[in-house]
C-alpha atoms as a PDB file:
ATOM      1  CA  MET A   1     103.556-113.023-123.107  1.00  0.00           C
ATOM      2  CA  SER A   2     106.602-112.931-120.901  1.00  0.00           C
ATOM      3  CA  ASP A   3     108.740-115.924-119.949  1.00  0.00           C
ATOM      4  CA  ALA A   4     108.998-114.583-116.390  1.00  0.00           C
ATOM      5  CA  GLU A   5     108.098-116.951-113.586  1.00  0.00           C
ATOM      6  CA  PRO A   6     104.684-116.294-112.022  1.00  0.00           C
ATOM      7  CA  ASP A   7     104.686-114.946-108.493  1.00  0.00           C
ATOM      8  CA  SER A   8     103.560-117.161-105.627  1.00  0.00           C
ATOM      9  CA  GLN A   9     100.173-115.417-105.316  1.00  0.00           C
ATOM     10  CA  THR A  10      99.424-116.166-108.977  1.00  0.00           C
ATOM     11  CA  VAL A  11     100.372-119.810-108.449  1.00  0.00           C
ATOM     12  CA  ASP A  12      98.213-119.965-105.297  1.00  0.00           C
ATOM     13  CA  GLN A  13      95.223-118.582-107.203  1.00  0.00           C
ATOM     14  CA  PHE A  14      95.805-121.102-109.981  1.00  0.00           C
ATOM     15  CA  VAL A  15      95.857-123.968-107.491  1.00  0.00           C
ATOM     16  CA  VAL A  16      92.620-122.798-105.826  1.00  0.00           C
ATOM     17  CA  TYR A  17      90.931-122.288-109.202  1.00  0.00           C
ATOM     18  CA  GLY A  18      92.040-125.751-110.309  1.00  0.00           C
ATOM     19  CA  ALA A  19      90.654-127.390-107.176  1.00  0.00           C
ATOM     20  CA  TYR A  20      87.464-125.345-107.506  1.00  0.00           C
ATOM     21  CA  GLY A  21      87.063-126.439-111.131  1.00  0.00           C
ATOM     22  CA  GLU A  22      87.529-130.092-110.188  1.00  0.00           C
ATOM     23  CA  ILE A  23      84.821-129.897-107.508  1.00  0.00           C
ATOM     24  CA  MET A  24      82.385-128.081-109.808  1.00  0.00           C
ATOM     25  CA  HIS A  25      83.064-130.784-112.410  1.00  0.00           C
ATOM     26  CA  GLN A  26      82.184-133.421-109.801  1.00  0.00           C
ATOM     27  CA  PHE A  27      78.872-131.633-109.242  1.00  0.00           C
ATOM     28  CA  GLN A  28      78.158-131.874-112.970  1.00  0.00           C
ATOM     29  CA  ILE A  29      79.001-135.574-112.838  1.00  0.00           C
ATOM     30  CA  LEU A  30      76.634-135.922-109.858  1.00  0.00           C
ATOM     31  CA  GLU A  31      73.758-134.873-112.113  1.00  0.00           C
ATOM     32  CA  LEU A  32      74.243-137.905-114.372  1.00  0.00           C
ATOM     33  CA  PRO A  33      73.093-140.587-111.903  1.00  0.00           C
ATOM     34  CA  LEU A  34      70.192-138.314-110.975  1.00  0.00           C
ATOM     35  CA  TRP A  35      69.230-138.316-114.651  1.00  0.00           C
ATOM     36  CA  GLY A  36      69.314-142.115-114.442  1.00  0.00           C
ATOM     37  CA  PHE A  37      66.712-141.997-111.661  1.00  0.00           C
ATOM     38  CA  LEU A  38      64.606-139.639-113.794  1.00  0.00           C
ATOM     39  CA  ALA A  39      64.971-141.971-116.775  1.00  0.00           C
ATOM     40  CA  ARG A  40      63.345-144.771-114.758  1.00  0.00           C
ATOM     41  CA  ASN A  41      60.078-142.859-115.185  1.00  0.00           C
ATOM     42  CA  LEU A  42      60.243-142.643-118.981  1.00  0.00           C
ATOM     43  CA  LYS A  43      57.495-144.594-120.660  1.00  0.00           C
ATOM     44  CA  SER A  44      58.442-147.591-122.752  1.00  0.00           C
ATOM     45  CA  GLY A  45      58.273-146.901-126.462  1.00  0.00           C
ATOM     46  CA  ILE A  46      59.603-143.360-126.116  1.00  0.00           C
ATOM     47  CA  THR A  47      61.298-142.234-129.325  1.00  0.00           C
ATOM     48  CA  PHE A  48      64.873-141.056-129.555  1.00  0.00           C
ATOM     49  CA  ASP A  49      63.713-137.482-130.212  1.00  0.00           C
ATOM     50  CA  GLN A  50      61.358-137.564-127.224  1.00  0.00           C
ATOM     51  CA  GLY A  51      64.133-138.908-125.010  1.00  0.00           C
ATOM     52  CA  THR A  52      66.557-136.285-126.278  1.00  0.00           C
ATOM     53  CA  ALA A  53      64.013-133.547-125.546  1.00  0.00           C
ATOM     54  CA  LYS A  54      63.683-134.844-121.969  1.00  0.00           C
ATOM     55  CA  VAL A  55      67.445-134.834-121.464  1.00  0.00           C
ATOM     56  CA  GLU A  56      67.655-131.296-122.857  1.00  0.00           C
ATOM     57  CA  ARG A  57      65.056-130.172-120.285  1.00  0.00           C
ATOM     58  CA  TRP A  58      66.965-131.916-117.501  1.00  0.00           C
ATOM     59  CA  ASP A  59      70.158-130.247-118.701  1.00  0.00           C
ATOM     60  CA  ALA A  60      68.475-126.818-118.575  1.00  0.00           C
ATOM     61  CA  THR A  61      67.359-127.404-114.980  1.00  0.00           C
ATOM     62  CA  THR A  62      69.438-126.259-112.031  1.00  0.00           C
ATOM     63  CA  PHE A  63      70.979-128.912-109.819  1.00  0.00           C
ATOM     64  CA  GLY A  64      68.777-127.865-106.896  1.00  0.00           C
ATOM     65  CA  LYS A  65      65.570-127.964-108.919  1.00  0.00           C
ATOM     66  CA  LEU A  66      66.530-131.311-110.445  1.00  0.00           C
ATOM     67  CA  TRP A  67      67.073-132.726-106.956  1.00  0.00           C
ATOM     68  CA  ARG A  68      63.846-131.215-105.567  1.00  0.00           C
ATOM     69  CA  GLY A  69      61.961-133.059-108.288  1.00  0.00           C
ATOM     70  CA  LEU A  70      63.525-136.353-107.211  1.00  0.00           C
ATOM     71  CA  ARG A  71      63.864-136.060-103.435  1.00  0.00           C
ATOM     72  CA  THR A  72      60.245-136.994-102.634  1.00  0.00           C
ATOM     73  CA  GLN A  73      60.418-140.326-104.440  1.00  0.00           C
ATOM     74  CA  ASP A  74      59.995-143.205-102.017  1.00  0.00           C
ATOM     75  CA  HIS A  75      62.978-145.354-103.010  1.00  0.00           C
ATOM     76  CA  TRP A  76      65.785-143.396-101.299  1.00  0.00           C
ATOM     77  CA  PRO A  77      67.737-145.233 -98.592  1.00  0.00           C
ATOM     78  CA  ALA A  78      68.109-143.721 -95.132  1.00  0.00           C
ATOM     79  CA  GLY A  79      70.359-140.680 -95.049  1.00  0.00           C
ATOM     80  CA  LEU A  80      70.832-140.252 -98.792  1.00  0.00           C
ATOM     81  CA  VAL A  81      68.217-137.487 -99.098  1.00  0.00           C
ATOM     82  CA  ALA A  82      69.988-135.497 -96.369  1.00  0.00           C
ATOM     83  CA  GLU A  83      73.366-136.058 -98.069  1.00  0.00           C
ATOM     84  CA  LEU A  84      72.005-134.809-101.386  1.00  0.00           C
ATOM     85  CA  ASP A  85      70.339-131.841 -99.680  1.00  0.00           C
ATOM     86  CA  GLN A  86      73.783-130.964 -98.285  1.00  0.00           C
ATOM     87  CA  ALA A  87      75.315-131.427-101.739  1.00  0.00           C
ATOM     88  CA  VAL A  88      72.874-128.864-103.144  1.00  0.00           C
ATOM     89  CA  LYS A  89      73.820-126.416-100.379  1.00  0.00           C
ATOM     90  CA  ALA A  90      77.537-126.990-100.974  1.00  0.00           C
ATOM     91  CA  ARG A  91      77.181-126.561-104.727  1.00  0.00           C
ATOM     92  CA  ASN A  92      75.209-123.342-104.309  1.00  0.00           C
ATOM     93  CA  TYR A  93      77.770-122.010-101.841  1.00  0.00           C
ATOM     94  CA  LEU A  94      80.561-122.740-104.284  1.00  0.00           C
ATOM     95  CA  ALA A  95      78.719-121.294-107.273  1.00  0.00           C
ATOM     96  CA  HIS A  96      77.552-118.113-105.588  1.00  0.00           C
ATOM     97  CA  HIS A  97      79.870-117.292-102.685  1.00  0.00           C
ATOM     98  CA  PHE A  98      83.113-119.254-102.424  1.00  0.00           C
ATOM     99  CA  LEU A  99      85.262-117.421-104.989  1.00  0.00           C
ATOM    100  CA  ARG A 100      83.960-114.011-103.978  1.00  0.00           C
ATOM    101  CA  GLU A 101      84.787-114.741-100.327  1.00  0.00           C
ATOM    102  CA  TYR A 102      88.171-116.203-101.169  1.00  0.00           C
ATOM    103  CA  PHE A 103      89.272-113.245-103.268  1.00  0.00           C
ATOM    104  CA  LEU A 104      87.846-110.589-100.941  1.00  0.00           C
ATOM    105  CA  VAL A 105      89.689-111.866 -97.887  1.00  0.00           C
ATOM    106  CA  VAL A 106      93.251-110.666 -97.441  1.00  0.00           C
ATOM    107  CA  SER A 107      95.548-113.039 -99.311  1.00  0.00           C
ATOM    108  CA  SER A 108      97.557-115.317 -97.031  1.00  0.00           C
ATOM    109  CA  ASP A 109      98.889-118.843 -96.847  1.00  0.00           C
ATOM    110  CA  GLU A 110      96.374-119.570 -94.104  1.00  0.00           C
ATOM    111  CA  HIS A 111      93.410-118.437 -96.216  1.00  0.00           C
ATOM    112  CA  ARG A 112      94.639-120.406 -99.221  1.00  0.00           C
ATOM    113  CA  GLU A 113      94.942-123.515 -97.049  1.00  0.00           C
ATOM    114  CA  ASP A 114      91.444-122.901 -95.619  1.00  0.00           C
ATOM    115  CA  ALA A 115      90.033-122.622 -99.140  1.00  0.00           C
ATOM    116  CA  LEU A 116      91.748-125.813-100.283  1.00  0.00           C
ATOM    117  CA  THR A 117      90.647-127.636 -97.125  1.00  0.00           C
ATOM    118  CA  GLN A 118      87.023-126.612 -97.740  1.00  0.00           C
ATOM    119  CA  LEU A 119      87.244-127.849-101.323  1.00  0.00           C
ATOM    120  CA  ALA A 120      88.853-131.131-100.244  1.00  0.00           C
ATOM    121  CA  ARG A 121      86.111-131.746 -97.667  1.00  0.00           C
ATOM    122  CA  ILE A 122      83.397-131.072-100.208  1.00  0.00           C
ATOM    123  CA  GLY A 123      85.155-133.332-102.713  1.00  0.00           C
ATOM    124  CA  LYS A 124      85.383-136.175-100.205  1.00  0.00           C
ATOM    125  CA  ARG A 125      81.669-135.859 -99.398  1.00  0.00           C
ATOM    126  CA  LEU A 126      80.830-135.782-103.114  1.00  0.00           C
ATOM    127  CA  ASP A 127      82.799-138.971-103.693  1.00  0.00           C
ATOM    128  CA  ALA A 128      80.815-140.659-100.931  1.00  0.00           C
ATOM    129  CA  VAL A 129      77.485-139.432-102.346  1.00  0.00           C
ATOM    130  CA  LEU A 130      78.431-140.617-105.836  1.00  0.00           C
ATOM    131  CA  THR A 131      79.333-144.035-104.444  1.00  0.00           C
ATOM    132  CA  ARG A 132      76.034-144.293-102.542  1.00  0.00           C
ATOM    133  CA  LEU A 133      74.055-143.169-105.609  1.00  0.00           C
ATOM    134  CA  GLY A 134      75.787-145.799-107.729  1.00  0.00           C
ATOM    135  CA  GLU A 135      75.063-148.515-105.189  1.00  0.00           C
ATOM    136  CA  HIS A 136      71.445-147.417-104.863  1.00  0.00           C
ATOM    137  CA  GLY A 137      70.998-147.232-108.626  1.00  0.00           C
ATOM    138  CA  GLY A 138      72.431-150.725-108.953  1.00  0.00           C
ATOM    139  CA  ALA A 139      70.012-152.016-106.312  1.00  0.00           C
ATOM    140  CA  LEU A 140      67.160-150.567-108.389  1.00  0.00           C
ATOM    141  CA  GLY A 141      68.465-152.146-111.587  1.00  0.00           C
ATOM    142  CA  LEU A 142      70.045-149.055-113.142  1.00  0.00           C
ATOM    143  CA  PRO A 143      73.066-150.228-115.129  1.00  0.00           C
ATOM    144  CA  ASP A 144      76.511-148.953-114.247  1.00  0.00           C
ATOM    145  CA  ASP A 145      78.976-148.128-117.042  1.00  0.00           C
ATOM    146  CA  ASP A 146      80.895-151.282-116.188  1.00  0.00           C
ATOM    147  CA  GLU A 147      77.811-153.408-116.857  1.00  0.00           C
ATOM    148  CA  LEU A 148      77.083-152.185-120.397  1.00  0.00           C
ATOM    149  CA  ASP A 149      77.687-154.603-123.241  1.00  0.00           C
ATOM    150  CA  GLU A 150      79.933-153.626-126.136  1.00  0.00           C
ATOM    151  CA  GLN A 151      77.027-153.014-128.541  1.00  0.00           C
ATOM    152  CA  THR A 152      75.409-150.571-126.104  1.00  0.00           C
ATOM    153  CA  ARG A 153      78.743-148.847-125.556  1.00  0.00           C
ATOM    154  CA  GLN A 154      79.136-148.417-129.317  1.00  0.00           C
ATOM    155  CA  LYS A 155      75.639-146.948-129.603  1.00  0.00           C
ATOM    156  CA  ILE A 156      76.408-144.476-126.838  1.00  0.00           C
ATOM    157  CA  GLU A 157      79.726-143.596-128.441  1.00  0.00           C
ATOM    158  CA  ALA A 158      77.937-142.900-131.745  1.00  0.00           C
ATOM    159  CA  LEU A 159      75.801-140.296-129.940  1.00  0.00           C
ATOM    160  CA  ARG A 160      78.831-138.278-128.836  1.00  0.00           C
ATOM    161  CA  PRO A 161      79.038-134.875-130.480  1.00  0.00           C
ATOM    162  CA  THR A 162      81.808-134.455-133.002  1.00  0.00           C
ATOM    163  CA  SER A 163      82.289-130.753-132.346  1.00  0.00           C
ATOM    164  CA  TRP A 164      82.460-128.521-129.275  1.00  0.00           C
ATOM    165  CA  LEU A 165      79.033-127.840-127.826  1.00  0.00           C
ATOM    166  CA  THR A 166      78.513-124.242-126.855  1.00  0.00           C
ATOM    167  CA  ALA A 167      75.573-121.948-126.377  1.00  0.00           C
ATOM    168  CA  PHE A 168      77.701-118.977-127.361  1.00  0.00           C
ATOM    169  CA  SER A 169      79.080-118.244-130.758  1.00  0.00           C
ATOM    170  CA  ASP A 170      80.779-115.279-132.397  1.00  0.00           C
END
């Protein structure tokens, strides 16, 4: 590996990839409160293994399919279904088209700025959706991280994996 400075196009690509990665991470975070709404329907007395199996199924479900399974529930406040429908569209655009479009178009400062502006807009909308989901979950009695007692936090911490989780191995 050379100590040479990267050219400006390489730096631009790195910046766009970094912003893209941050937004895709936010979409993964968006799934967590949706899992909380799914968890409301778990029967009392469910075992740890049964609960884990449910979460594994949720984790194997696409964001769009997960949302389609929730969107017809009758507890959603006005406008939130439409916002989440738009989030699914934005996520699918990013996952299936954004990078291809960005790297096919002739490289320019203007196109880089357009890409970053698109990502910033999506990120701002995601922040708003996450806030609304948190408020709605709280209104339905779903606990927020801030509301968990120390014993519950310790139990959750004990469930964290101690090694990297990956579906691929050598």
